[in-house]
Amino acid sequence: MGTVVALAGQVGGAKLADGLYRLRRAQLAIVVNTGDDFEHLGLAFSPDLDTVLYTLAGVASPTAGWEPELESHALQGMLSALGGPDRPRLGDKSLAAPILRTEGLSDDRRLTQITLEFCRHLGIEARVLPMSDDRVRTHVLTDDGAVAFPDYFTQLGCEPAVRGFQYAGAGEARIPDELLAALHAADLEAVVICPANPYHTIRPILEVNGMKELLRKRGAPVVAVTPIVGGKALKGSAGKMMRELGREPSARAVAAEYLRVIDGFVIDEEDAQFADNVRSLGIEVLAARTIMRSVEDRIALARSVLEFARSIRETKAAEAES
């Protein structure tokens, strides 16, 4: 067994990352989207980082994975009573990470260092790594102009039609040394793109300067898992965004977003009849159960993904010898 690198964000991505973690523990590095990070009331929020941390630590709320379990909102009630903002709705426990993150950043510590320290205190053996220590911000392009994704999501309720995306700072952002070490590991076995919104969760990671080129050059199988099942997004606004961008909400459309980056694509069993349609893009396909309702589902999908990656690697090796 070798090193596995996963690209993740959102609840679905965190669930598959958890399945991979239960199989690989310290041999797993998880690259997390920070394009949705934002500042609020003087604090630095990293929603996807915290979602992955809570999930791997086993403390995520079962109904709101971006919060710790048994969350309370007394602070939000007092903020409202004093005339403070009512959005985003802040949980009491959820403020611990932003408070410590803000303090660390103010002391000139890198976001990667801070996040790895969180891993240590939460007992997480895997390396949870931000996609960059440099500032990258995803902006949603609408008919009324560009909107920062947190505002599009929280203030506007994802209502404006999406015309495109900008990833401000991604072209200049540097891949952290810790992430470079994971991707350059001699035993790199696979890169897994977890099921998440391809536009505001995975694409910002891929847009970091040099990321796509590095994934292609490393030669390890890159396998993505669809966030679309039966023409619908399991969670979030991916389906809506795809329609507004002129794309059908389908597994094939998601696979096309990762063209020239991935070697294999995992679709849900429900969409097995579309496997040849995805293969027409020149991508290997596996139909599996992708809906993760239990820990066992997470592990089963993770195992299927890694076995799929192994088969792709063996096929590549055989072709190279012939």
C-alpha atoms as a PDB file:
ATOM      1  CA  MET A   1       0.000   0.000   0.000  1.00  0.00           C
ATOM      2  CA  GLY A   2       1.266   3.429  -0.950  1.00  0.00           C
ATOM      3  CA  THR A   3       0.444   7.080  -0.410  1.00  0.00           C
ATOM      4  CA  VAL A   4      -2.977   8.312  -1.488  1.00  0.00           C
ATOM      5  CA  VAL A   5      -3.737  11.985  -2.119  1.00  0.00           C
ATOM      6  CA  ALA A   6      -7.390  13.066  -2.089  1.00  0.00           C
ATOM      7  CA  LEU A   7      -8.863  16.361  -3.300  1.00  0.00           C
ATOM      8  CA  ALA A   8     -11.837  17.219  -1.134  1.00  0.00           C
ATOM      9  CA  GLY A   9     -14.324  19.708   0.236  1.00  0.00           C
ATOM     10  CA  GLN A  10     -17.995  19.842   1.225  1.00  0.00           C
ATOM     11  CA  VAL A  11     -19.790  17.074   3.119  1.00  0.00           C
ATOM     12  CA  GLY A  12     -19.718  14.490   0.314  1.00  0.00           C
ATOM     13  CA  GLY A  13     -16.017  14.946  -0.266  1.00  0.00           C
ATOM     14  CA  ALA A  14     -15.336  14.707   3.465  1.00  0.00           C
ATOM     15  CA  LYS A  15     -17.278  11.430   3.661  1.00  0.00           C
ATOM     16  CA  LEU A  16     -15.176   9.739   0.991  1.00  0.00           C
ATOM     17  CA  ALA A  17     -12.032  11.211   2.547  1.00  0.00           C
ATOM     18  CA  ASP A  18     -13.130   9.564   5.797  1.00  0.00           C
ATOM     19  CA  GLY A  19     -13.547   6.226   4.025  1.00  0.00           C
ATOM     20  CA  LEU A  20     -10.046   6.538   2.561  1.00  0.00           C
ATOM     21  CA  TYR A  21      -8.725   7.528   5.971  1.00  0.00           C
ATOM     22  CA  ARG A  22     -10.151   4.418   7.613  1.00  0.00           C
ATOM     23  CA  LEU A  23      -8.259   2.343   5.044  1.00  0.00           C
ATOM     24  CA  ARG A  24      -4.962   4.253   4.871  1.00  0.00           C
ATOM     25  CA  ARG A  25      -4.592   6.340   8.045  1.00  0.00           C
ATOM     26  CA  ALA A  26      -1.186   8.126   7.943  1.00  0.00           C
ATOM     27  CA  GLN A  27      -0.649   7.212   4.271  1.00  0.00           C
ATOM     28  CA  LEU A  28      -3.405   9.633   3.267  1.00  0.00           C
ATOM     29  CA  ALA A  29      -3.001  13.325   2.434  1.00  0.00           C
ATOM     30  CA  ILE A  30      -6.154  15.358   1.831  1.00  0.00           C
ATOM     31  CA  VAL A  31      -5.933  18.540  -0.228  1.00  0.00           C
ATOM     32  CA  VAL A  32      -8.803  20.824   0.767  1.00  0.00           C
ATOM     33  CA  ASN A  33     -10.392  23.734  -1.075  1.00  0.00           C
ATOM     34  CA  THR A  34      -9.801  27.155   0.494  1.00  0.00           C
ATOM     35  CA  GLY A  35     -11.392  29.206  -2.277  1.00  0.00           C
ATOM     36  CA  ASP A  36     -14.541  29.476  -0.147  1.00  0.00           C
ATOM     37  CA  ASP A  37     -12.637  30.859   2.862  1.00  0.00           C
ATOM     38  CA  PHE A  38     -13.854  34.197   4.170  1.00  0.00           C
ATOM     39  CA  GLU A  39     -13.399  36.755   6.930  1.00  0.00           C
ATOM     40  CA  HIS A  40     -16.308  37.583   9.252  1.00  0.00           C
ATOM     41  CA  LEU A  41     -16.305  39.630  12.459  1.00  0.00           C
ATOM     42  CA  GLY A  42     -12.512  39.729  12.242  1.00  0.00           C
ATOM     43  CA  LEU A  43     -12.169  35.935  12.146  1.00  0.00           C
ATOM     44  CA  ALA A  44     -10.765  33.639   9.435  1.00  0.00           C
ATOM     45  CA  PHE A  45     -13.261  30.966   8.402  1.00  0.00           C
ATOM     46  CA  SER A  46     -12.272  27.896   6.348  1.00  0.00           C
ATOM     47  CA  PRO A  47     -15.533  25.943   5.899  1.00  0.00           C
ATOM     48  CA  ASP A  48     -14.153  23.045   3.865  1.00  0.00           C
ATOM     49  CA  LEU A  49     -11.096  22.574   6.056  1.00  0.00           C
ATOM     50  CA  ASP A  50     -13.275  22.437   9.160  1.00  0.00           C
ATOM     51  CA  THR A  51     -15.758  20.049   7.521  1.00  0.00           C
ATOM     52  CA  VAL A  52     -12.959  17.612   6.705  1.00  0.00           C
ATOM     53  CA  LEU A  53     -11.369  17.972  10.144  1.00  0.00           C
ATOM     54  CA  TYR A  54     -14.627  17.365  12.021  1.00  0.00           C
ATOM     55  CA  THR A  55     -15.477  14.396   9.805  1.00  0.00           C
ATOM     56  CA  LEU A  56     -12.129  12.632  10.162  1.00  0.00           C
ATOM     57  CA  ALA A  57     -12.075  13.311  13.899  1.00  0.00           C
ATOM     58  CA  GLY A  58     -15.524  11.736  14.232  1.00  0.00           C
ATOM     59  CA  VAL A  59     -17.079  14.858  15.768  1.00  0.00           C
ATOM     60  CA  ALA A  60     -19.060  16.210  12.791  1.00  0.00           C
ATOM     61  CA  SER A  61     -22.764  16.862  13.210  1.00  0.00           C
ATOM     62  CA  PRO A  62     -24.743  14.147  11.372  1.00  0.00           C
ATOM     63  CA  THR A  63     -27.080  16.808   9.955  1.00  0.00           C
ATOM     64  CA  ALA A  64     -24.602  19.639   9.323  1.00  0.00           C
ATOM     65  CA  GLY A  65     -21.125  18.259   8.709  1.00  0.00           C
ATOM     66  CA  TRP A  66     -19.539  21.712   8.722  1.00  0.00           C
ATOM     67  CA  GLU A  67     -20.303  21.952  12.462  1.00  0.00           C
ATOM     68  CA  PRO A  68     -19.269  19.811  15.438  1.00  0.00           C
ATOM     69  CA  GLU A  69     -21.924  17.503  16.856  1.00  0.00           C
ATOM     70  CA  LEU A  70     -24.264  18.862  19.544  1.00  0.00           C
ATOM     71  CA  GLU A  71     -23.703  22.398  18.299  1.00  0.00           C
ATOM     72  CA  SER A  72     -25.458  25.301  20.046  1.00  0.00           C
ATOM     73  CA  HIS A  73     -26.126  28.870  18.921  1.00  0.00           C
ATOM     74  CA  ALA A  74     -26.271  30.990  22.064  1.00  0.00           C
ATOM     75  CA  LEU A  75     -23.655  33.394  20.714  1.00  0.00           C
ATOM     76  CA  GLN A  76     -25.675  33.967  17.539  1.00  0.00           C
ATOM     77  CA  GLY A  77     -28.708  34.834  19.620  1.00  0.00           C
ATOM     78  CA  MET A  78     -26.749  37.428  21.569  1.00  0.00           C
ATOM     79  CA  LEU A  79     -25.192  38.824  18.379  1.00  0.00           C
ATOM     80  CA  SER A  80     -28.667  39.349  16.943  1.00  0.00           C
ATOM     81  CA  ALA A  81     -29.889  40.946  20.170  1.00  0.00           C
ATOM     82  CA  LEU A  82     -27.045  43.457  19.931  1.00  0.00           C
ATOM     83  CA  GLY A  83     -27.792  44.277  16.309  1.00  0.00           C
ATOM     84  CA  GLY A  84     -25.064  42.110  14.796  1.00  0.00           C
ATOM     85  CA  PRO A  85     -25.329  40.208  11.497  1.00  0.00           C
ATOM     86  CA  ASP A  86     -27.597  37.193  11.414  1.00  0.00           C
ATOM     87  CA  ARG A  87     -25.754  35.570   8.494  1.00  0.00           C
ATOM     88  CA  PRO A  88     -23.802  33.406   8.392  1.00  0.00           C
ATOM     89  CA  ARG A  89     -25.337  31.670  11.403  1.00  0.00           C
ATOM     90  CA  LEU A  90     -22.491  31.000  13.813  1.00  0.00           C
ATOM     91  CA  GLY A  91     -22.330  27.974  16.071  1.00  0.00           C
ATOM     92  CA  ASP A  92     -20.690  28.222  19.463  1.00  0.00           C
ATOM     93  CA  LYS A  93     -18.326  25.256  19.055  1.00  0.00           C
ATOM     94  CA  SER A  94     -17.709  26.144  15.414  1.00  0.00           C
ATOM     95  CA  LEU A  95     -16.012  29.378  16.460  1.00  0.00           C
ATOM     96  CA  ALA A  96     -13.098  27.617  18.148  1.00  0.00           C
ATOM     97  CA  ALA A  97     -11.260  26.822  14.902  1.00  0.00           C
ATOM     98  CA  PRO A  98     -11.666  30.312  13.374  1.00  0.00           C
ATOM     99  CA  ILE A  99     -10.494  31.941  16.611  1.00  0.00           C
ATOM    100  CA  LEU A 100      -7.342  29.817  16.778  1.00  0.00           C
ATOM    101  CA  ARG A 101      -6.807  30.085  13.014  1.00  0.00           C
ATOM    102  CA  THR A 102      -7.003  33.885  13.178  1.00  0.00           C
ATOM    103  CA  GLU A 103      -4.559  33.991  16.059  1.00  0.00           C
ATOM    104  CA  GLY A 104      -2.138  31.723  14.215  1.00  0.00           C
ATOM    105  CA  LEU A 105      -2.303  33.741  11.005  1.00  0.00           C
ATOM    106  CA  SER A 106      -1.756  36.962  12.936  1.00  0.00           C
ATOM    107  CA  ASP A 107       1.445  35.383  14.322  1.00  0.00           C
ATOM    108  CA  ASP A 108       2.609  34.790  10.717  1.00  0.00           C
ATOM    109  CA  ARG A 109       2.055  31.031  10.887  1.00  0.00           C
ATOM    110  CA  ARG A 110       1.056  29.350   7.641  1.00  0.00           C
ATOM    111  CA  LEU A 111      -2.440  27.963   7.203  1.00  0.00           C
ATOM    112  CA  THR A 112      -0.875  24.546   6.552  1.00  0.00           C
ATOM    113  CA  GLN A 113       0.963  24.629   9.871  1.00  0.00           C
ATOM    114  CA  ILE A 114      -2.170  25.645  11.737  1.00  0.00           C
ATOM    115  CA  THR A 115      -4.258  22.929  10.089  1.00  0.00           C
ATOM    116  CA  LEU A 116      -1.704  20.191  10.800  1.00  0.00           C
ATOM    117  CA  GLU A 117      -1.661  21.323  14.425  1.00  0.00           C
ATOM    118  CA  PHE A 118      -5.450  20.910  14.497  1.00  0.00           C
ATOM    119  CA  CYS A 119      -4.946  17.396  13.116  1.00  0.00           C
ATOM    120  CA  ARG A 120      -2.512  16.575  15.909  1.00  0.00           C
ATOM    121  CA  HIS A 121      -4.831  17.777  18.659  1.00  0.00           C
ATOM    122  CA  LEU A 122      -7.842  15.992  17.139  1.00  0.00           C
ATOM    123  CA  GLY A 123      -5.904  12.742  16.818  1.00  0.00           C
ATOM    124  CA  ILE A 124      -6.066  12.689  13.007  1.00  0.00           C
ATOM    125  CA  GLU A 125      -3.179  10.676  11.548  1.00  0.00           C
ATOM    126  CA  ALA A 126      -3.783  11.776   7.954  1.00  0.00           C
ATOM    127  CA  ARG A 127      -2.393  15.055   6.677  1.00  0.00           C
ATOM    128  CA  VAL A 128      -5.204  17.559   6.071  1.00  0.00           C
ATOM    129  CA  LEU A 129      -3.669  20.264   3.888  1.00  0.00           C
ATOM    130  CA  PRO A 130      -5.022  23.509   2.443  1.00  0.00           C
ATOM    131  CA  MET A 131      -4.545  23.759  -1.323  1.00  0.00           C
ATOM    132  CA  SER A 132      -2.323  26.799  -0.741  1.00  0.00           C
ATOM    133  CA  ASP A 133      -1.147  29.060   2.053  1.00  0.00           C
ATOM    134  CA  ASP A 134      -1.724  31.976  -0.300  1.00  0.00           C
ATOM    135  CA  ARG A 135      -5.074  33.709  -0.564  1.00  0.00           C
ATOM    136  CA  VAL A 136      -7.384  32.325  -3.277  1.00  0.00           C
ATOM    137  CA  ARG A 137     -11.009  33.425  -3.514  1.00  0.00           C
ATOM    138  CA  THR A 138     -13.723  31.979  -5.727  1.00  0.00           C
ATOM    139  CA  HIS A 139     -16.074  34.513  -7.295  1.00  0.00           C
ATOM    140  CA  VAL A 140     -19.373  33.644  -8.943  1.00  0.00           C
ATOM    141  CA  LEU A 141     -20.096  35.615 -12.090  1.00  0.00           C
ATOM    142  CA  THR A 142     -23.741  36.704 -12.313  1.00  0.00           C
ATOM    143  CA  ASP A 143     -25.733  39.100 -14.488  1.00  0.00           C
ATOM    144  CA  ASP A 144     -25.142  41.736 -11.788  1.00  0.00           C
ATOM    145  CA  GLY A 145     -21.400  41.168 -11.602  1.00  0.00           C
ATOM    146  CA  ALA A 146     -18.985  39.043  -9.601  1.00  0.00           C
ATOM    147  CA  VAL A 147     -19.978  37.854  -6.132  1.00  0.00           C
ATOM    148  CA  ALA A 148     -17.702  36.159  -3.589  1.00  0.00           C
ATOM    149  CA  PHE A 149     -18.907  32.594  -3.175  1.00  0.00           C
ATOM    150  CA  PRO A 150     -19.697  32.888   0.573  1.00  0.00           C
ATOM    151  CA  ASP A 151     -21.960  35.866  -0.217  1.00  0.00           C
ATOM    152  CA  TYR A 152     -23.560  34.027  -3.139  1.00  0.00           C
ATOM    153  CA  PHE A 153     -24.250  31.073  -0.832  1.00  0.00           C
ATOM    154  CA  THR A 154     -25.164  32.781   2.432  1.00  0.00           C
ATOM    155  CA  GLN A 155     -26.546  36.199   1.572  1.00  0.00           C
ATOM    156  CA  LEU A 156     -28.083  35.430  -1.825  1.00  0.00           C
ATOM    157  CA  GLY A 157     -29.142  31.866  -1.146  1.00  0.00           C
ATOM    158  CA  CYS A 158     -27.619  30.674  -4.462  1.00  0.00           C
ATOM    159  CA  GLU A 159     -30.463  32.417  -6.309  1.00  0.00           C
ATOM    160  CA  PRO A 160     -28.658  34.486  -9.014  1.00  0.00           C
ATOM    161  CA  ALA A 161     -28.030  32.662 -12.270  1.00  0.00           C
ATOM    162  CA  VAL A 162     -24.407  31.585 -12.641  1.00  0.00           C
ATOM    163  CA  ARG A 163     -22.582  32.770 -15.767  1.00  0.00           C
ATOM    164  CA  GLY A 164     -19.079  31.667 -14.830  1.00  0.00           C
ATOM    165  CA  PHE A 165     -16.409  31.584 -12.124  1.00  0.00           C
ATOM    166  CA  GLN A 166     -13.195  33.400 -11.301  1.00  0.00           C
ATOM    167  CA  TYR A 167     -10.508  32.021  -8.996  1.00  0.00           C
ATOM    168  CA  ALA A 168      -8.779  35.159  -7.809  1.00  0.00           C
ATOM    169  CA  GLY A 169      -5.171  34.580  -6.810  1.00  0.00           C
ATOM    170  CA  ALA A 170      -5.031  30.951  -7.968  1.00  0.00           C
ATOM    171  CA  GLY A 171      -2.620  31.678 -10.808  1.00  0.00           C
ATOM    172  CA  GLU A 172      -0.053  33.090  -8.387  1.00  0.00           C
ATOM    173  CA  ALA A 173      -0.763  30.800  -5.423  1.00  0.00           C
ATOM    174  CA  ARG A 174       1.983  28.375  -4.434  1.00  0.00           C
ATOM    175  CA  ILE A 175       1.489  24.700  -3.626  1.00  0.00           C
ATOM    176  CA  PRO A 176       2.627  24.177  -0.002  1.00  0.00           C
ATOM    177  CA  ASP A 177       5.792  22.154   0.573  1.00  0.00           C
ATOM    178  CA  GLU A 178       3.852  19.563   2.588  1.00  0.00           C
ATOM    179  CA  LEU A 179       1.517  18.969  -0.342  1.00  0.00           C
ATOM    180  CA  LEU A 180       4.406  18.833  -2.812  1.00  0.00           C
ATOM    181  CA  ALA A 181       6.015  16.177  -0.613  1.00  0.00           C
ATOM    182  CA  ALA A 182       2.842  14.075  -0.699  1.00  0.00           C
ATOM    183  CA  LEU A 183       2.472  14.386  -4.474  1.00  0.00           C
ATOM    184  CA  HIS A 184       6.158  13.595  -5.036  1.00  0.00           C
ATOM    185  CA  ALA A 185       6.113  10.575  -2.707  1.00  0.00           C
ATOM    186  CA  ALA A 186       7.956   7.665  -4.315  1.00  0.00           C
ATOM    187  CA  ASP A 187       5.089   5.343  -3.342  1.00  0.00           C
ATOM    188  CA  LEU A 188       2.256   7.591  -4.622  1.00  0.00           C
ATOM    189  CA  GLU A 189      -0.490   5.097  -5.398  1.00  0.00           C
ATOM    190  CA  ALA A 190      -3.409   7.233  -6.533  1.00  0.00           C
ATOM    191  CA  VAL A 191      -4.952  10.682  -6.569  1.00  0.00           C
ATOM    192  CA  VAL A 192      -8.666  10.684  -5.760  1.00  0.00           C
ATOM    193  CA  ILE A 193     -10.992  13.577  -6.578  1.00  0.00           C
ATOM    194  CA  CYS A 194     -13.781  13.190  -4.049  1.00  0.00           C
ATOM    195  CA  PRO A 195     -17.453  13.884  -4.912  1.00  0.00           C
ATOM    196  CA  ALA A 196     -17.976  17.621  -4.587  1.00  0.00           C
ATOM    197  CA  ASN A 197     -19.090  20.610  -6.633  1.00  0.00           C
ATOM    198  CA  PRO A 198     -16.665  20.696  -9.577  1.00  0.00           C
ATOM    199  CA  TYR A 199     -16.838  24.499  -9.908  1.00  0.00           C
ATOM    200  CA  HIS A 200     -16.360  25.971  -6.444  1.00  0.00           C
ATOM    201  CA  THR A 201     -14.791  23.039  -4.584  1.00  0.00           C
ATOM    202  CA  ILE A 202     -12.547  21.024  -6.918  1.00  0.00           C
ATOM    203  CA  ARG A 203     -11.742  23.541  -9.652  1.00  0.00           C
ATOM    204  CA  PRO A 204     -10.092  26.045  -7.258  1.00  0.00           C
ATOM    205  CA  ILE A 205      -7.673  23.294  -6.187  1.00  0.00           C
ATOM    206  CA  LEU A 206      -6.858  22.415  -9.782  1.00  0.00           C
ATOM    207  CA  GLU A 207      -6.378  26.100 -10.650  1.00  0.00           C
ATOM    208  CA  VAL A 208      -3.573  26.579  -8.096  1.00  0.00           C
ATOM    209  CA  ASN A 209      -0.422  27.380 -10.045  1.00  0.00           C
ATOM    210  CA  GLY A 210       1.138  24.161 -11.375  1.00  0.00           C
ATOM    211  CA  MET A 211      -1.388  21.749  -9.817  1.00  0.00           C
ATOM    212  CA  LYS A 212      -2.864  20.244 -12.996  1.00  0.00           C
ATOM    213  CA  GLU A 213       0.534  19.915 -14.606  1.00  0.00           C
ATOM    214  CA  LEU A 214       1.946  18.169 -11.538  1.00  0.00           C
ATOM    215  CA  LEU A 215      -0.933  15.687 -11.398  1.00  0.00           C
ATOM    216  CA  ARG A 216      -0.424  14.836 -15.060  1.00  0.00           C
ATOM    217  CA  LYS A 217       3.364  14.475 -14.781  1.00  0.00           C
ATOM    218  CA  ARG A 218       3.345  12.273 -11.683  1.00  0.00           C
ATOM    219  CA  GLY A 219       1.797   9.402 -13.631  1.00  0.00           C
ATOM    220  CA  ALA A 220      -0.181   7.968 -10.713  1.00  0.00           C
ATOM    221  CA  PRO A 221      -3.814   7.169 -11.613  1.00  0.00           C
ATOM    222  CA  VAL A 222      -6.166  10.100 -11.031  1.00  0.00           C
ATOM    223  CA  VAL A 223      -9.707   8.931 -10.292  1.00  0.00           C
ATOM    224  CA  ALA A 224     -12.720  11.193  -9.735  1.00  0.00           C
ATOM    225  CA  VAL A 225     -16.062  10.287  -8.156  1.00  0.00           C
ATOM    226  CA  THR A 226     -19.256  11.852  -9.453  1.00  0.00           C
ATOM    227  CA  PRO A 227     -21.316  14.207  -7.261  1.00  0.00           C
ATOM    228  CA  ILE A 228     -24.238  13.770  -9.693  1.00  0.00           C
ATOM    229  CA  VAL A 229     -26.537  10.737  -9.425  1.00  0.00           C
ATOM    230  CA  GLY A 230     -29.547  10.255 -11.648  1.00  0.00           C
ATOM    231  CA  GLY A 231     -29.179  13.760 -13.066  1.00  0.00           C
ATOM    232  CA  LYS A 232     -29.243  15.411  -9.648  1.00  0.00           C
ATOM    233  CA  ALA A 233     -26.671  16.651  -7.176  1.00  0.00           C
ATOM    234  CA  LEU A 234     -26.884  14.755  -3.900  1.00  0.00           C
ATOM    235  CA  LYS A 235     -26.306  18.003  -2.009  1.00  0.00           C
ATOM    236  CA  GLY A 236     -25.635  21.615  -2.845  1.00  0.00           C
ATOM    237  CA  SER A 237     -26.107  23.647  -5.982  1.00  0.00           C
ATOM    238  CA  ALA A 238     -24.023  21.733  -8.554  1.00  0.00           C
ATOM    239  CA  GLY A 239     -27.040  20.738 -10.652  1.00  0.00           C
ATOM    240  CA  LYS A 240     -28.377  24.303 -10.745  1.00  0.00           C
ATOM    241  CA  MET A 241     -24.971  25.690 -11.696  1.00  0.00           C
ATOM    242  CA  MET A 242     -24.516  23.168 -14.493  1.00  0.00           C
ATOM    243  CA  ARG A 243     -27.860  24.031 -16.061  1.00  0.00           C
ATOM    244  CA  GLU A 244     -27.151  27.764 -15.882  1.00  0.00           C
ATOM    245  CA  LEU A 245     -23.748  27.209 -17.485  1.00  0.00           C
ATOM    246  CA  GLY A 246     -25.412  25.404 -20.366  1.00  0.00           C
ATOM    247  CA  ARG A 247     -24.383  21.902 -19.275  1.00  0.00           C
ATOM    248  CA  GLU A 248     -26.671  18.999 -18.541  1.00  0.00           C
ATOM    249  CA  PRO A 249     -26.520  17.875 -14.901  1.00  0.00           C
ATOM    250  CA  SER A 250     -25.039  14.453 -15.572  1.00  0.00           C
ATOM    251  CA  ALA A 251     -22.100  12.302 -14.611  1.00  0.00           C
ATOM    252  CA  ARG A 252     -20.694  12.685 -18.139  1.00  0.00           C
ATOM    253  CA  ALA A 253     -20.767  16.472 -17.849  1.00  0.00           C
ATOM    254  CA  VAL A 254     -18.811  16.293 -14.583  1.00  0.00           C
ATOM    255  CA  ALA A 255     -16.288  13.913 -16.141  1.00  0.00           C
ATOM    256  CA  ALA A 256     -15.852  16.393 -18.999  1.00  0.00           C
ATOM    257  CA  GLU A 257     -14.956  19.102 -16.460  1.00  0.00           C
ATOM    258  CA  TYR A 258     -11.963  16.950 -15.440  1.00  0.00           C
ATOM    259  CA  LEU A 259     -10.885  16.071 -18.973  1.00  0.00           C
ATOM    260  CA  ARG A 260      -7.102  15.772 -19.416  1.00  0.00           C
ATOM    261  CA  VAL A 261      -6.699  15.538 -15.645  1.00  0.00           C
ATOM    262  CA  ILE A 262      -8.322  12.215 -14.723  1.00  0.00           C
ATOM    263  CA  ASP A 263      -7.724   8.661 -15.908  1.00  0.00           C
ATOM    264  CA  GLY A 264     -10.843   7.135 -14.377  1.00  0.00           C
ATOM    265  CA  PHE A 265     -14.315   8.220 -13.341  1.00  0.00           C
ATOM    266  CA  VAL A 266     -16.660   6.537 -10.872  1.00  0.00           C
ATOM    267  CA  ILE A 267     -20.366   6.825 -11.635  1.00  0.00           C
ATOM    268  CA  ASP A 268     -23.236   5.585  -9.516  1.00  0.00           C
ATOM    269  CA  GLU A 269     -24.844   2.220 -10.225  1.00  0.00           C
ATOM    270  CA  GLU A 270     -28.031   4.101 -11.070  1.00  0.00           C
ATOM    271  CA  ASP A 271     -26.240   5.673 -14.034  1.00  0.00           C
ATOM    272  CA  ALA A 272     -24.491   2.502 -15.218  1.00  0.00           C
ATOM    273  CA  GLN A 273     -26.242   2.716 -18.603  1.00  0.00           C
ATOM    274  CA  PHE A 274     -24.282   5.903 -19.312  1.00  0.00           C
ATOM    275  CA  ALA A 275     -20.867   4.294 -18.773  1.00  0.00           C
ATOM    276  CA  ASP A 276     -20.074   4.070 -22.505  1.00  0.00           C
ATOM    277  CA  ASN A 277     -21.032   7.720 -22.880  1.00  0.00           C
ATOM    278  CA  VAL A 278     -18.326   8.643 -20.365  1.00  0.00           C
ATOM    279  CA  ARG A 279     -15.836   6.229 -21.947  1.00  0.00           C
ATOM    280  CA  SER A 280     -16.276   8.098 -25.209  1.00  0.00           C
ATOM    281  CA  LEU A 281     -14.281  10.897 -23.577  1.00  0.00           C
ATOM    282  CA  GLY A 282     -11.292   8.553 -23.345  1.00  0.00           C
ATOM    283  CA  ILE A 283     -11.793   7.950 -19.608  1.00  0.00           C
ATOM    284  CA  GLU A 284     -12.031   4.587 -17.838  1.00  0.00           C
ATOM    285  CA  VAL A 285     -15.322   4.094 -15.972  1.00  0.00           C
ATOM    286  CA  LEU A 286     -16.444   2.194 -12.886  1.00  0.00           C
ATOM    287  CA  ALA A 287     -20.081   1.928 -11.794  1.00  0.00           C
ATOM    288  CA  ALA A 288     -20.361   1.626  -8.015  1.00  0.00           C
ATOM    289  CA  ARG A 289     -22.594   2.606  -5.135  1.00  0.00           C
ATOM    290  CA  THR A 290     -21.598   6.220  -4.520  1.00  0.00           C
ATOM    291  CA  ILE A 291     -24.267   7.302  -2.022  1.00  0.00           C
ATOM    292  CA  MET A 292     -22.704   7.174   1.447  1.00  0.00           C
ATOM    293  CA  ARG A 293     -25.320   6.862   4.181  1.00  0.00           C
ATOM    294  CA  SER A 294     -23.143   5.002   6.669  1.00  0.00           C
ATOM    295  CA  VAL A 295     -19.506   4.559   7.641  1.00  0.00           C
ATOM    296  CA  GLU A 296     -19.609   1.184   5.932  1.00  0.00           C
ATOM    297  CA  ASP A 297     -20.716   2.892   2.702  1.00  0.00           C
ATOM    298  CA  ARG A 298     -17.773   5.274   2.931  1.00  0.00           C
ATOM    299  CA  ILE A 299     -15.292   2.435   3.372  1.00  0.00           C
ATOM    300  CA  ALA A 300     -16.841   0.350   0.594  1.00  0.00           C
ATOM    301  CA  LEU A 301     -16.678   3.229  -1.890  1.00  0.00           C
ATOM    302  CA  ALA A 302     -13.115   4.082  -0.854  1.00  0.00           C
ATOM    303  CA  ARG A 303     -12.066   0.470  -1.375  1.00  0.00           C
ATOM    304  CA  SER A 304     -13.740   0.360  -4.805  1.00  0.00           C
ATOM    305  CA  VAL A 305     -12.013   3.585  -5.841  1.00  0.00           C
ATOM    306  CA  LEU A 306      -8.575   2.341  -4.800  1.00  0.00           C
ATOM    307  CA  GLU A 307      -9.086  -1.007  -6.545  1.00  0.00           C
ATOM    308  CA  PHE A 308     -10.196   0.877  -9.664  1.00  0.00           C
ATOM    309  CA  ALA A 309      -7.040   3.004  -9.496  1.00  0.00           C
ATOM    310  CA  ARG A 310      -4.942  -0.145  -9.151  1.00  0.00           C
ATOM    311  CA  SER A 311      -6.536  -1.665 -12.257  1.00  0.00           C
ATOM    312  CA  ILE A 312      -5.819   1.528 -14.214  1.00  0.00           C
ATOM    313  CA  ARG A 313      -2.204   1.497 -13.047  1.00  0.00           C
ATOM    314  CA  GLU A 314      -1.798  -2.157 -14.080  1.00  0.00           C
ATOM    315  CA  THR A 315      -3.334  -1.465 -17.497  1.00  0.00           C
ATOM    316  CA  LYS A 316      -0.957   1.466 -18.034  1.00  0.00           C
ATOM    317  CA  ALA A 317       2.023  -0.698 -17.057  1.00  0.00           C
ATOM    318  CA  ALA A 318       0.967  -3.463 -19.460  1.00  0.00           C
ATOM    319  CA  GLU A 319       0.523  -0.987 -22.294  1.00  0.00           C
ATOM    320  CA  ALA A 320       3.949   0.512 -21.639  1.00  0.00           C
ATOM    321  CA  GLU A 321       5.564  -2.943 -21.866  1.00  0.00           C
ATOM    322  CA  SER A 322       3.805  -3.902 -25.101  1.00  0.00           C
END
